[in-house]
Amino acid sequence: MIRFIARRLVQVVPMLLLLSFVVFLLIQLAPYDVVDSITTPNMSDETVAAMRAKFGLDQPVITQYLLWLGNVLQGDFGYSLTSRQTISSELAARIPNTMLLVGPAYLAALVVAIVLGLIAGSRKGRWADRIIDSVAGIGIATPSFWFALLMIYVFGYLLRWFPIIGMHTVGKQGDPLDLLAHYVLPFTVLVVAFFPELSRYVRSATINQLSQDYVLVQRAYGSPGRRILGVHISRNVLLPIVTQLGLALPMLITGAIITESVFAWPGIGPYFLTATKSLDYPVILAVLLLSALMVIIGNLIADILYVLVDPRIRLGGAA
């Protein structure tokens, strides 16, 4: 296991460097930069050139990349060009808020998906399967921002059950009940956004398991259908689902950009969108790099979890 992890970590380093360079290059290929966003027609060419030199934009791309990478390796993402604050401090304040919202929402969606997927798969073609599959289809086809606006209009404006903006009411920071009231709507939107694809994945895996020989053997021995589904099939269906926990890791950084922006939740979403609009490329680079890092780490965790829960892979790796 240690050798497996070490080998994967060695593979991660060049991949992460390549991703960081690609992300940096894509930002450089954008038609506008931060200087273009703050210049005015009255500025002279000398003033504009001085501003480019100030931000280091007059240097060759490879030089800019190496300087940026050296700072990042020291944990320094630089300063936001709009807020003038350190990006590291701003990310440190916003990432926990995103994790607080996205993490529980994804786990709740996973539980709902497992239950509904098992029910739908075990009743293929029946009314329960049709209802669950239809709900999942509607969930996949419904844009998150539209559903979020609908929730705001119904439960925030018409019924006035929940607040619709922010994470806290002014003057009530630290009040858990106030946080919960702000939490309900964006949490619900994310659960509805996450569970449809997961439920269809579980449904498909359940249908596949029902055709396996061990199910026929259990039925021949007279095992009840619920026991077969709850003990044997669910165990084999949950095996690949475990890996989804690792693959979902990137969502803890950028998994709710639209939902956070609609509800003005103080997470990564509004921060990233504001940086995109203002061409604040150091912030854009930092968020994209963190997202890429989470993708790589998530895949590594998924592989490790699969090796841990599936003995056949361990035996195969030992051979």
Protein backbone atom coordinates (compact mmCIF):
# COMPACT_ATOMS: atom_id res chain seq x y z
CA MET A 1 0.00 0.00 0.00
CA ILE A 2 2.83 2.41 0.89
CA ARG A 3 4.55 1.71 -2.41
CA PHE A 4 1.29 2.25 -4.26
CA ILE A 5 0.73 5.63 -2.59
CA ALA A 6 4.36 6.67 -3.13
CA ARG A 7 4.17 5.74 -6.81
CA ARG A 8 0.99 7.74 -7.29
CA LEU A 9 2.45 10.74 -5.46
CA VAL A 10 5.45 10.68 -7.78
CA GLN A 11 3.06 10.76 -10.72
CA VAL A 12 1.08 13.63 -9.19
CA VAL A 13 3.97 16.12 -9.07
CA PRO A 14 4.64 16.45 -12.83
CA MET A 15 0.92 16.34 -13.53
CA LEU A 16 0.28 19.21 -11.13
CA LEU A 17 3.13 21.24 -12.63
CA LEU A 18 1.73 20.67 -16.10
CA LEU A 19 -1.75 21.67 -14.98
CA SER A 20 -0.46 24.80 -13.29
CA PHE A 21 1.38 25.83 -16.46
CA VAL A 22 -1.67 25.15 -18.64
CA VAL A 23 -3.91 27.18 -16.32
CA PHE A 24 -1.37 30.03 -16.25
CA LEU A 25 -1.03 29.95 -20.04
CA LEU A 26 -4.80 30.01 -20.57
CA ILE A 27 -5.05 33.12 -18.40
CA GLN A 28 -2.27 34.73 -20.43
CA LEU A 29 -4.12 33.94 -23.68
CA ALA A 30 -7.17 35.88 -22.53
CA PRO A 31 -7.81 38.94 -24.74
CA TYR A 32 -7.80 41.32 -21.76
CA ASP A 33 -5.89 41.58 -18.52
CA VAL A 34 -6.20 43.58 -15.34
CA VAL A 35 -4.50 46.65 -16.81
CA ASP A 36 -7.10 46.77 -19.58
CA SER A 37 -9.83 46.74 -16.94
CA ILE A 38 -8.50 49.82 -15.11
CA THR A 39 -7.12 51.98 -17.93
CA THR A 40 -9.02 54.94 -19.30
CA PRO A 41 -8.87 56.64 -22.71
CA ASN A 42 -7.13 59.63 -21.10
CA MET A 43 -4.10 57.61 -19.99
CA SER A 44 -0.91 57.97 -21.97
CA ASP A 45 0.98 55.02 -23.40
CA GLU A 46 3.77 55.65 -20.88
CA THR A 47 1.33 55.40 -17.97
CA VAL A 48 -0.13 52.16 -19.30
CA ALA A 49 3.36 50.73 -19.84
CA ALA A 50 4.31 51.68 -16.28
CA MET A 51 1.22 49.90 -14.95
CA ARG A 52 2.09 46.76 -16.92
CA ALA A 53 5.62 46.87 -15.51
CA LYS A 54 4.20 47.29 -12.00
CA PHE A 55 2.14 44.10 -12.35
CA GLY A 56 4.99 42.26 -14.10
CA LEU A 57 3.03 41.92 -17.32
CA ASP A 58 5.98 43.20 -19.38
CA GLN A 59 8.01 40.08 -18.58
CA PRO A 60 8.12 36.98 -20.84
CA VAL A 61 5.38 34.46 -20.08
CA ILE A 62 7.81 31.81 -18.84
CA THR A 63 9.40 34.33 -16.47
CA GLN A 64 6.00 35.36 -15.13
CA TYR A 65 5.11 31.69 -14.63
CA LEU A 66 8.33 30.80 -12.79
CA LEU A 67 8.00 33.81 -10.49
CA TRP A 68 4.36 32.96 -9.77
CA LEU A 69 5.14 29.25 -9.23
CA GLY A 70 7.98 30.06 -6.84
CA ASN A 71 5.64 32.15 -4.71
CA VAL A 72 2.88 29.52 -4.81
CA LEU A 73 5.27 26.81 -3.60
CA GLN A 74 5.85 29.00 -0.56
CA GLY A 75 2.11 29.30 0.04
CA ASP A 76 1.98 32.82 -1.35
CA PHE A 77 -0.69 33.32 -4.03
CA GLY A 78 0.02 37.03 -4.16
CA TYR A 79 -2.39 39.89 -3.74
CA SER A 80 -5.81 40.44 -5.23
CA LEU A 81 -5.58 43.24 -7.77
CA THR A 82 -8.98 44.59 -6.77
CA SER A 83 -9.18 44.20 -2.98
CA ARG A 84 -5.40 44.59 -2.40
CA GLN A 85 -5.65 41.82 0.22
CA THR A 86 -3.59 38.64 0.27
CA ILE A 87 -5.30 35.89 -1.68
CA SER A 88 -4.27 33.30 0.91
CA SER A 89 -6.13 35.14 3.68
CA GLU A 90 -9.22 35.62 1.52
CA LEU A 91 -9.26 31.94 0.53
CA ALA A 92 -8.75 30.91 4.16
CA ALA A 93 -11.84 32.92 5.11
CA ARG A 94 -14.02 31.60 2.26
CA ILE A 95 -13.07 27.95 1.76
CA PRO A 96 -14.51 26.83 5.15
CA ASN A 97 -17.84 28.46 4.23
CA THR A 98 -17.94 26.57 0.94
CA MET A 99 -16.99 23.31 2.65
CA LEU A 100 -19.68 23.86 5.28
CA LEU A 101 -22.28 24.15 2.54
CA VAL A 102 -21.08 21.67 -0.09
CA GLY A 103 -19.80 18.84 2.12
CA PRO A 104 -23.01 18.04 4.04
CA ALA A 105 -25.11 18.67 0.91
CA TYR A 106 -23.13 16.11 -1.08
CA LEU A 107 -23.24 13.52 1.69
CA ALA A 108 -27.00 14.01 2.07
CA ALA A 109 -27.45 13.70 -1.70
CA LEU A 110 -25.37 10.52 -1.64
CA VAL A 111 -27.57 8.95 1.06
CA VAL A 112 -30.75 9.90 -0.83
CA ALA A 113 -29.27 8.58 -4.07
CA ILE A 114 -28.30 5.24 -2.53
CA VAL A 115 -31.75 4.67 -1.05
CA LEU A 116 -33.69 5.73 -4.13
CA GLY A 117 -31.25 4.05 -6.51
CA LEU A 118 -31.57 0.70 -4.72
CA ILE A 119 -35.36 0.97 -4.71
CA ALA A 120 -35.51 1.92 -8.39
CA GLY A 121 -33.03 -0.74 -9.48
CA SER A 122 -34.77 -3.52 -7.54
CA ARG A 123 -38.14 -2.53 -9.06
CA LYS A 124 -37.06 -1.97 -12.64
CA GLY A 125 -39.98 -1.03 -14.87
CA ARG A 126 -42.47 -0.70 -12.02
CA TRP A 127 -44.16 2.49 -10.85
CA ALA A 128 -41.56 3.18 -8.13
CA ASP A 129 -38.75 2.96 -10.68
CA ARG A 130 -40.60 5.21 -13.11
CA ILE A 131 -41.30 7.85 -10.48
CA ILE A 132 -37.72 7.90 -9.16
CA ASP A 133 -36.24 7.90 -12.65
CA SER A 134 -38.57 10.72 -13.71
CA VAL A 135 -37.63 12.79 -10.65
CA ALA A 136 -33.94 12.21 -11.38
CA GLY A 137 -34.46 13.20 -15.01
CA ILE A 138 -36.21 16.42 -13.99
CA GLY A 139 -33.40 17.14 -11.52
CA ILE A 140 -30.74 16.69 -14.21
CA ALA A 141 -32.63 18.90 -16.67
CA THR A 142 -33.34 21.69 -14.18
CA PRO A 143 -30.67 24.43 -14.05
CA SER A 144 -29.44 25.05 -10.52
CA PHE A 145 -29.77 28.82 -10.77
CA TRP A 146 -33.41 28.53 -11.90
CA PHE A 147 -34.28 26.18 -9.04
CA ALA A 148 -32.44 28.47 -6.61
CA LEU A 149 -34.42 31.49 -7.81
CA LEU A 150 -37.64 29.47 -7.52
CA MET A 151 -36.80 28.53 -3.92
CA ILE A 152 -36.02 32.17 -3.13
CA TYR A 153 -39.31 33.36 -4.63
CA VAL A 154 -41.51 30.74 -2.95
CA PHE A 155 -39.90 30.25 0.46
CA GLY A 156 -38.10 33.57 0.82
CA TYR A 157 -40.44 36.10 -0.78
CA LEU A 158 -43.97 34.64 -0.79
CA LEU A 159 -43.91 32.57 2.40
CA ARG A 160 -41.04 34.42 4.10
CA TRP A 161 -39.95 31.26 5.87
CA PHE A 162 -36.21 31.65 5.28
CA PRO A 163 -33.74 34.47 4.66
CA ILE A 164 -32.45 34.54 1.10
CA ILE A 165 -29.12 36.36 1.19
CA GLY A 166 -25.86 35.75 3.00
CA MET A 167 -24.79 33.44 5.76
CA HIS A 168 -25.83 35.52 8.79
CA THR A 169 -28.25 38.29 9.62
CA VAL A 170 -26.45 41.50 10.53
CA GLY A 171 -25.87 41.52 14.26
CA LYS A 172 -26.52 37.78 14.65
CA GLN A 173 -23.10 36.39 13.74
CA GLY A 174 -22.47 33.32 15.83
CA ASP A 175 -26.16 32.48 16.26
CA PRO A 176 -26.51 28.81 15.15
CA LEU A 177 -30.27 29.13 14.56
CA ASP A 178 -29.74 32.13 12.30
CA LEU A 179 -27.04 30.22 10.40
CA LEU A 180 -29.41 27.26 10.03
CA ALA A 181 -32.14 29.51 8.63
CA HIS A 182 -29.75 30.86 5.99
CA TYR A 183 -28.44 27.34 5.36
CA VAL A 184 -31.69 25.58 4.43
CA LEU A 185 -32.33 26.99 0.95
CA PRO A 186 -28.82 26.69 -0.59
CA PHE A 187 -28.41 23.27 1.06
CA THR A 188 -31.66 22.05 -0.52
CA VAL A 189 -30.67 23.39 -3.93
CA LEU A 190 -27.35 21.56 -3.81
CA VAL A 191 -28.91 18.27 -2.68
CA VAL A 192 -31.35 18.44 -5.58
CA ALA A 193 -28.47 19.25 -7.93
CA PHE A 194 -26.22 16.41 -6.74
CA PHE A 195 -28.50 13.43 -6.20
CA PRO A 196 -30.02 12.75 -9.69
CA GLU A 197 -26.85 11.51 -11.38
CA LEU A 198 -25.79 9.60 -8.28
CA SER A 199 -29.18 7.87 -8.02
CA ARG A 200 -29.06 6.80 -11.66
CA TYR A 201 -25.56 5.46 -11.08
CA VAL A 202 -26.79 3.40 -8.11
CA ARG A 203 -29.86 2.25 -10.07
CA SER A 204 -27.72 1.03 -12.97
CA ALA A 205 -25.32 -0.78 -10.62
CA THR A 206 -28.26 -2.41 -8.79
CA ILE A 207 -29.79 -3.69 -12.02
CA ASN A 208 -26.40 -5.11 -13.01
CA GLN A 209 -25.98 -6.87 -9.66
CA LEU A 210 -29.44 -8.43 -9.85
CA SER A 211 -28.32 -10.42 -12.90
CA GLN A 212 -25.28 -11.89 -11.14
CA ASP A 213 -25.06 -15.57 -10.23
CA TYR A 214 -24.79 -14.99 -6.48
CA VAL A 215 -28.26 -13.40 -6.51
CA LEU A 216 -29.72 -16.46 -8.23
CA VAL A 217 -28.01 -18.69 -5.65
CA GLN A 218 -29.43 -16.65 -2.77
CA ARG A 219 -32.91 -16.83 -4.28
CA ALA A 220 -32.55 -20.58 -4.77
CA TYR A 221 -31.78 -20.92 -1.07
CA GLY A 222 -34.95 -18.99 -0.29
CA SER A 223 -33.38 -15.77 0.98
CA PRO A 224 -35.92 -12.92 1.19
CA GLY A 225 -35.66 -10.23 -1.47
CA ARG A 226 -35.10 -7.52 1.12
CA ARG A 227 -32.18 -9.41 2.63
CA ILE A 228 -30.61 -9.97 -0.79
CA LEU A 229 -30.99 -6.29 -1.60
CA GLY A 230 -29.96 -4.92 1.79
CA VAL A 231 -27.04 -7.25 2.56
CA HIS A 232 -25.57 -8.58 -0.66
CA ILE A 233 -26.51 -6.25 -3.50
CA SER A 234 -26.09 -3.04 -1.51
CA ARG A 235 -22.60 -4.10 -0.44
CA ASN A 236 -21.47 -4.59 -4.02
CA VAL A 237 -23.25 -1.45 -5.20
CA LEU A 238 -21.66 0.66 -2.46
CA LEU A 239 -18.18 -0.54 -3.42
CA PRO A 240 -17.79 1.82 -6.40
CA ILE A 241 -19.80 4.50 -4.59
CA VAL A 242 -16.98 4.76 -2.03
CA THR A 243 -14.73 6.07 -4.79
CA GLN A 244 -17.21 8.85 -5.47
CA LEU A 245 -16.25 10.37 -2.12
CA GLY A 246 -12.74 10.91 -3.42
CA LEU A 247 -13.88 12.16 -6.81
CA ALA A 248 -16.19 14.63 -5.07
CA LEU A 249 -13.29 16.34 -3.31
CA PRO A 250 -12.99 19.13 -5.93
CA MET A 251 -16.58 20.13 -5.13
CA LEU A 252 -15.40 21.31 -1.73
CA ILE A 253 -13.64 24.17 -3.56
CA THR A 254 -15.73 24.97 -6.63
CA GLY A 255 -18.80 22.77 -6.26
CA ALA A 256 -21.33 25.53 -5.60
CA ILE A 257 -20.21 28.59 -7.57
CA ILE A 258 -23.67 29.27 -9.03
CA THR A 259 -25.64 28.44 -5.89
CA GLU A 260 -23.34 30.47 -3.64
CA SER A 261 -23.58 33.42 -6.01
CA VAL A 262 -27.39 33.32 -6.16
CA PHE A 263 -27.70 33.21 -2.36
CA ALA A 264 -24.73 35.54 -1.77
CA TRP A 265 -23.17 32.83 0.39
CA PRO A 266 -19.68 34.09 1.33
CA GLY A 267 -17.77 31.23 -0.20
CA ILE A 268 -15.53 30.64 -3.19
CA GLY A 269 -18.36 31.13 -5.72
CA PRO A 270 -18.95 34.90 -5.44
CA TYR A 271 -15.21 35.44 -4.91
CA PHE A 272 -14.33 33.64 -8.14
CA LEU A 273 -17.08 35.30 -10.20
CA THR A 274 -16.07 38.76 -8.96
CA ALA A 275 -12.45 38.03 -9.87
CA THR A 276 -13.52 36.87 -13.34
CA LYS A 277 -15.54 40.02 -13.99
CA SER A 278 -12.74 42.31 -12.81
CA LEU A 279 -9.99 40.32 -14.59
CA ASP A 280 -8.27 39.72 -11.25
CA TYR A 281 -6.02 37.05 -12.71
CA PRO A 282 -4.04 36.19 -9.52
CA VAL A 283 -7.32 35.19 -7.83
CA ILE A 284 -8.48 33.28 -10.91
CA LEU A 285 -5.16 31.41 -11.05
CA ALA A 286 -5.31 30.57 -7.35
CA VAL A 287 -8.85 29.17 -7.48
CA LEU A 288 -8.23 27.19 -10.68
CA LEU A 289 -4.99 25.78 -9.30
CA LEU A 290 -6.70 24.71 -6.06
CA SER A 291 -9.48 23.11 -8.07
CA ALA A 292 -6.97 21.21 -10.22
CA LEU A 293 -5.10 20.13 -7.09
CA MET A 294 -8.34 18.83 -5.56
CA VAL A 295 -9.08 16.86 -8.75
CA ILE A 296 -5.69 15.13 -8.56
CA ILE A 297 -5.90 14.49 -4.81
CA GLY A 298 -9.49 13.30 -5.21
CA ASN A 299 -8.48 10.75 -7.85
CA LEU A 300 -5.64 9.57 -5.62
CA ILE A 301 -7.99 9.16 -2.65
CA ALA A 302 -10.52 7.34 -4.85
CA ASP A 303 -7.84 4.88 -5.98
CA ILE A 304 -6.67 4.29 -2.41
CA LEU A 305 -10.22 3.75 -1.14
CA TYR A 306 -10.92 1.28 -3.93
CA VAL A 307 -7.78 -0.69 -3.07
CA LEU A 308 -8.79 -0.73 0.60
CA VAL A 309 -12.37 -1.92 0.05
CA ASP A 310 -11.82 -4.33 -2.84
CA PRO A 311 -9.60 -7.34 -1.97
CA ARG A 312 -9.40 -8.36 -5.63
CA ILE A 313 -7.48 -5.18 -6.46
CA ARG A 314 -5.12 -5.77 -3.55
CA LEU A 315 -4.45 -9.30 -4.79
CA GLY A 316 -3.98 -8.00 -8.31
CA GLY A 317 -1.54 -5.33 -7.10
CA ALA A 318 0.39 -7.94 -5.08
CA ALA A 319 0.78 -10.11 -8.14
